[in-house]
Amino acid sequence: MKTPKRIEPLIEDGLVDEVLRPLMSGKEAAVYVVRCGTQVRCAKVYKEANKRSFRQAAEYQEGRKVRNSRQARAMAKSTKYGRKEAEDAWQNAEVAALFRLAGAGVRVPKPYDFQDGVLLMELVTDADGDAAPRLNDVHLEAEEAREFHAFVIRQIVL
């Protein structure tokens, strides 16, 4: 498989040894299964704003504060610099939240590193070691669903 251009710097820095395969692609990112030494992880490659099909992006970012007044003005005016800063702020906020959640003991994929729009994190697997299925593809019996629901609520409380 051809290595995605945005993952190449992680390979050059020794964080990733090889890209094994694409896992999935969504509205905001493409996810690849990668090998890091003996570990299999995933690399979430955020799509650039002009290549993303995220209709509610403005609502998603609404209320996000920027401490630097120059950045805030540029973002408000939607200059080229402002759009780049808004994009960076959005990605950094998501990554920072993931690191905080993992640090608080919430069961989330463990983040390892974030570089130039690529988040290197734990690959969530099933009992056989394969990438876990999407929730939409999982069938649960009623009792099992209630147990998982209770678990998710406990995670939200954390």
C-alpha atoms as a PDB file:
ATOM      1  CA  MET A   1       0.000   0.000   0.000  1.00  0.00           C
ATOM      2  CA  LYS A   2       1.185   3.495  -0.834  1.00  0.00           C
ATOM      3  CA  THR A   3       1.881   5.517   2.324  1.00  0.00           C
ATOM      4  CA  PRO A   4      -0.448   8.529   2.680  1.00  0.00           C
ATOM      5  CA  LYS A   5       1.555  11.747   2.362  1.00  0.00           C
ATOM      6  CA  ARG A   6       0.484  13.083   5.792  1.00  0.00           C
ATOM      7  CA  ILE A   7       1.790   9.910   7.546  1.00  0.00           C
ATOM      8  CA  GLU A   8       5.240  10.102   5.898  1.00  0.00           C
ATOM      9  CA  PRO A   9       6.653  12.525   8.552  1.00  0.00           C
ATOM     10  CA  LEU A  10       5.682  10.043  11.308  1.00  0.00           C
ATOM     11  CA  ILE A  11       7.615   7.333   9.485  1.00  0.00           C
ATOM     12  CA  GLU A  12      10.611   9.656   9.061  1.00  0.00           C
ATOM     13  CA  ASP A  13      10.484  10.460  12.814  1.00  0.00           C
ATOM     14  CA  GLY A  14      10.344   6.749  13.701  1.00  0.00           C
ATOM     15  CA  LEU A  15       6.856   6.921  15.241  1.00  0.00           C
ATOM     16  CA  VAL A  16       5.347   4.647  12.583  1.00  0.00           C
ATOM     17  CA  ASP A  17       7.122   1.753  10.869  1.00  0.00           C
ATOM     18  CA  GLU A  18       4.563   0.992   8.174  1.00  0.00           C
ATOM     19  CA  VAL A  19       1.007   1.597   7.060  1.00  0.00           C
ATOM     20  CA  LEU A  20      -0.768  -1.760   6.957  1.00  0.00           C
ATOM     21  CA  ARG A  21      -4.105  -0.775   5.454  1.00  0.00           C
ATOM     22  CA  PRO A  22      -6.857   1.836   5.435  1.00  0.00           C
ATOM     23  CA  LEU A  23      -9.455   1.216   8.127  1.00  0.00           C
ATOM     24  CA  MET A  24     -12.162   3.692   7.224  1.00  0.00           C
ATOM     25  CA  SER A  25     -12.805   7.193   6.020  1.00  0.00           C
ATOM     26  CA  GLY A  26     -15.403   9.593   7.316  1.00  0.00           C
ATOM     27  CA  LYS A  27     -16.476  13.203   7.029  1.00  0.00           C
ATOM     28  CA  GLU A  28     -13.571  14.586   9.068  1.00  0.00           C
ATOM     29  CA  ALA A  29     -10.735  12.061   8.782  1.00  0.00           C
ATOM     30  CA  ALA A  30      -9.346   8.903   7.266  1.00  0.00           C
ATOM     31  CA  VAL A  31      -8.095   6.203   9.642  1.00  0.00           C
ATOM     32  CA  TYR A  32      -5.265   3.800   8.821  1.00  0.00           C
ATOM     33  CA  VAL A  33      -3.993   0.711  10.628  1.00  0.00           C
ATOM     34  CA  VAL A  34      -0.267   1.187  11.228  1.00  0.00           C
ATOM     35  CA  ARG A  35       2.564  -0.780  12.781  1.00  0.00           C
ATOM     36  CA  CYS A  36       4.693   0.910  15.445  1.00  0.00           C
ATOM     37  CA  GLY A  37       7.436  -1.527  16.422  1.00  0.00           C
ATOM     38  CA  THR A  38       5.605  -4.642  17.607  1.00  0.00           C
ATOM     39  CA  GLN A  39       2.341  -2.791  18.239  1.00  0.00           C
ATOM     40  CA  VAL A  40      -0.535  -2.295  15.825  1.00  0.00           C
ATOM     41  CA  ARG A  41      -2.150   1.128  16.228  1.00  0.00           C
ATOM     42  CA  CYS A  42      -4.191   3.477  14.137  1.00  0.00           C
ATOM     43  CA  ALA A  43      -3.425   6.840  12.613  1.00  0.00           C
ATOM     44  CA  LYS A  44      -6.324   9.269  12.269  1.00  0.00           C
ATOM     45  CA  VAL A  45      -5.479  11.663   9.451  1.00  0.00           C
ATOM     46  CA  TYR A  46      -7.672  14.747   9.660  1.00  0.00           C
ATOM     47  CA  LYS A  47      -8.910  15.942   6.286  1.00  0.00           C
ATOM     48  CA  GLU A  48      -8.116  19.477   5.252  1.00  0.00           C
ATOM     49  CA  ALA A  49     -11.071  21.857   5.509  1.00  0.00           C
ATOM     50  CA  ASN A  50     -11.509  22.114   1.725  1.00  0.00           C
ATOM     51  CA  LYS A  51     -11.633  18.302   1.421  1.00  0.00           C
ATOM     52  CA  ARG A  52     -14.075  17.690   4.226  1.00  0.00           C
ATOM     53  CA  SER A  53     -17.820  17.155   3.912  1.00  0.00           C
ATOM     54  CA  PHE A  54     -18.751  18.435   7.341  1.00  0.00           C
ATOM     55  CA  ARG A  55     -21.827  20.627   6.888  1.00  0.00           C
ATOM     56  CA  GLN A  56     -22.214  21.782  10.488  1.00  0.00           C
ATOM     57  CA  ALA A  57     -18.543  22.716  11.008  1.00  0.00           C
ATOM     58  CA  ALA A  58     -19.419  26.250  12.161  1.00  0.00           C
ATOM     59  CA  GLU A  59     -21.917  24.966  14.736  1.00  0.00           C
ATOM     60  CA  TYR A  60     -19.429  22.323  15.859  1.00  0.00           C
ATOM     61  CA  GLN A  61     -16.789  24.987  16.569  1.00  0.00           C
ATOM     62  CA  GLU A  62     -19.178  27.596  17.989  1.00  0.00           C
ATOM     63  CA  GLY A  63     -18.189  28.936  21.386  1.00  0.00           C
ATOM     64  CA  ARG A  64     -14.582  27.794  21.145  1.00  0.00           C
ATOM     65  CA  LYS A  65     -12.322  30.443  22.641  1.00  0.00           C
ATOM     66  CA  VAL A  66      -8.897  31.483  21.380  1.00  0.00           C
ATOM     67  CA  ARG A  67      -6.560  33.275  23.801  1.00  0.00           C
ATOM     68  CA  ASN A  68      -4.495  35.058  21.176  1.00  0.00           C
ATOM     69  CA  SER A  69      -6.347  38.206  20.010  1.00  0.00           C
ATOM     70  CA  ARG A  70      -4.573  38.215  16.626  1.00  0.00           C
ATOM     71  CA  GLN A  71      -5.767  34.669  15.975  1.00  0.00           C
ATOM     72  CA  ALA A  72      -9.287  35.511  17.159  1.00  0.00           C
ATOM     73  CA  ARG A  73      -9.510  38.529  14.806  1.00  0.00           C
ATOM     74  CA  ALA A  74      -8.163  36.521  11.877  1.00  0.00           C
ATOM     75  CA  MET A  75     -10.604  33.706  12.596  1.00  0.00           C
ATOM     76  CA  ALA A  76     -13.525  36.157  12.840  1.00  0.00           C
ATOM     77  CA  LYS A  77     -12.553  37.747   9.504  1.00  0.00           C
ATOM     78  CA  SER A  78     -12.005  34.287   7.969  1.00  0.00           C
ATOM     79  CA  THR A  79      -8.658  35.236   6.482  1.00  0.00           C
ATOM     80  CA  LYS A  80      -6.434  32.486   5.103  1.00  0.00           C
ATOM     81  CA  TYR A  81      -4.406  32.612   8.328  1.00  0.00           C
ATOM     82  CA  GLY A  82      -7.638  32.663  10.375  1.00  0.00           C
ATOM     83  CA  ARG A  83      -9.049  29.597   8.615  1.00  0.00           C
ATOM     84  CA  LYS A  84      -5.791  27.710   9.255  1.00  0.00           C
ATOM     85  CA  GLU A  85      -5.811  28.749  12.923  1.00  0.00           C
ATOM     86  CA  ALA A  86      -9.472  27.712  13.282  1.00  0.00           C
ATOM     87  CA  GLU A  87      -8.635  24.339  11.750  1.00  0.00           C
ATOM     88  CA  ASP A  88      -5.662  23.870  14.085  1.00  0.00           C
ATOM     89  CA  ALA A  89      -7.727  24.936  17.108  1.00  0.00           C
ATOM     90  CA  TRP A  90     -10.472  22.441  16.223  1.00  0.00           C
ATOM     91  CA  GLN A  91      -8.040  19.532  15.824  1.00  0.00           C
ATOM     92  CA  ASN A  92      -6.066  20.468  18.938  1.00  0.00           C
ATOM     93  CA  ALA A  93      -9.253  20.737  21.026  1.00  0.00           C
ATOM     94  CA  GLU A  94     -10.354  17.237  19.995  1.00  0.00           C
ATOM     95  CA  VAL A  95      -6.912  15.750  20.648  1.00  0.00           C
ATOM     96  CA  ALA A  96      -6.535  17.566  23.997  1.00  0.00           C
ATOM     97  CA  ALA A  97      -9.950  16.253  25.074  1.00  0.00           C
ATOM     98  CA  LEU A  98      -8.900  12.697  24.196  1.00  0.00           C
ATOM     99  CA  PHE A  99      -5.688  13.031  26.244  1.00  0.00           C
ATOM    100  CA  ARG A 100      -7.670  14.473  29.193  1.00  0.00           C
ATOM    101  CA  LEU A 101     -10.271  11.722  29.045  1.00  0.00           C
ATOM    102  CA  ALA A 102      -7.603   8.999  28.912  1.00  0.00           C
ATOM    103  CA  GLY A 103      -5.812  10.659  31.840  1.00  0.00           C
ATOM    104  CA  ALA A 104      -9.039  10.680  33.860  1.00  0.00           C
ATOM    105  CA  GLY A 105      -9.501   6.947  33.363  1.00  0.00           C
ATOM    106  CA  VAL A 106     -12.304   7.154  30.807  1.00  0.00           C
ATOM    107  CA  ARG A 107     -12.260   4.222  28.417  1.00  0.00           C
ATOM    108  CA  VAL A 108     -11.206   5.876  25.174  1.00  0.00           C
ATOM    109  CA  PRO A 109      -8.605   4.843  22.600  1.00  0.00           C
ATOM    110  CA  LYS A 110      -5.249   5.727  24.170  1.00  0.00           C
ATOM    111  CA  PRO A 111      -3.664   8.641  22.321  1.00  0.00           C
ATOM    112  CA  TYR A 112       0.098   8.386  21.708  1.00  0.00           C
ATOM    113  CA  ASP A 113       1.050  11.417  19.636  1.00  0.00           C
ATOM    114  CA  PHE A 114      -0.369  14.196  17.470  1.00  0.00           C
ATOM    115  CA  GLN A 115       1.668  15.706  14.651  1.00  0.00           C
ATOM    116  CA  ASP A 116       0.638  17.876  11.722  1.00  0.00           C
ATOM    117  CA  GLY A 117      -2.977  16.749  11.649  1.00  0.00           C
ATOM    118  CA  VAL A 118      -2.278  13.055  12.331  1.00  0.00           C
ATOM    119  CA  LEU A 119      -3.368  11.486  15.624  1.00  0.00           C
ATOM    120  CA  LEU A 120      -1.572   8.270  16.506  1.00  0.00           C
ATOM    121  CA  MET A 121      -3.695   6.202  18.899  1.00  0.00           C
ATOM    122  CA  GLU A 122      -4.640   2.775  20.154  1.00  0.00           C
ATOM    123  CA  LEU A 123      -6.504   0.518  17.753  1.00  0.00           C
ATOM    124  CA  VAL A 124      -9.675  -0.756  19.409  1.00  0.00           C
ATOM    125  CA  THR A 125      -9.991  -4.461  18.632  1.00  0.00           C
ATOM    126  CA  ASP A 126     -12.451  -7.285  19.142  1.00  0.00           C
ATOM    127  CA  ALA A 127     -11.725 -10.573  20.949  1.00  0.00           C
ATOM    128  CA  ASP A 128      -9.903 -11.918  17.862  1.00  0.00           C
ATOM    129  CA  GLY A 129      -7.598  -8.884  17.588  1.00  0.00           C
ATOM    130  CA  ASP A 130      -9.360  -7.515  14.518  1.00  0.00           C
ATOM    131  CA  ALA A 131     -10.492  -3.903  14.357  1.00  0.00           C
ATOM    132  CA  ALA A 132     -13.657  -3.613  16.430  1.00  0.00           C
ATOM    133  CA  PRO A 133     -16.872  -3.340  14.418  1.00  0.00           C
ATOM    134  CA  ARG A 134     -18.799  -0.085  14.177  1.00  0.00           C
ATOM    135  CA  LEU A 135     -21.560   0.151  16.779  1.00  0.00           C
ATOM    136  CA  ASN A 136     -24.089   0.254  13.962  1.00  0.00           C
ATOM    137  CA  ASP A 137     -22.914  -3.216  12.889  1.00  0.00           C
ATOM    138  CA  VAL A 138     -23.241  -4.832  16.332  1.00  0.00           C
ATOM    139  CA  HIS A 139     -26.359  -6.761  17.340  1.00  0.00           C
ATOM    140  CA  LEU A 140     -27.045  -6.867  21.076  1.00  0.00           C
ATOM    141  CA  GLU A 141     -29.718  -8.710  22.991  1.00  0.00           C
ATOM    142  CA  ALA A 142     -31.831  -6.500  25.275  1.00  0.00           C
ATOM    143  CA  GLU A 143     -30.032  -7.436  28.510  1.00  0.00           C
ATOM    144  CA  GLU A 144     -26.623  -7.016  26.922  1.00  0.00           C
ATOM    145  CA  ALA A 145     -27.669  -3.616  25.543  1.00  0.00           C
ATOM    146  CA  ARG A 146     -28.776  -2.494  29.030  1.00  0.00           C
ATOM    147  CA  GLU A 147     -25.404  -3.535  30.492  1.00  0.00           C
ATOM    148  CA  PHE A 148     -23.486  -1.634  27.828  1.00  0.00           C
ATOM    149  CA  HIS A 149     -25.775   1.373  28.262  1.00  0.00           C
ATOM    150  CA  ALA A 150     -25.076   1.431  32.009  1.00  0.00           C
ATOM    151  CA  PHE A 151     -21.337   1.172  31.297  1.00  0.00           C
ATOM    152  CA  VAL A 152     -21.474   4.085  28.822  1.00  0.00           C
ATOM    153  CA  ILE A 153     -23.374   6.224  31.339  1.00  0.00           C
ATOM    154  CA  ARG A 154     -20.661   5.518  33.947  1.00  0.00           C
ATOM    155  CA  GLN A 155     -18.024   6.597  31.413  1.00  0.00           C
ATOM    156  CA  ILE A 156     -19.928   9.798  30.712  1.00  0.00           C
ATOM    157  CA  VAL A 157     -20.066  10.562  34.430  1.00  0.00           C
ATOM    158  CA  LEU A 158     -16.275  10.146  34.627  1.00  0.00           C
END
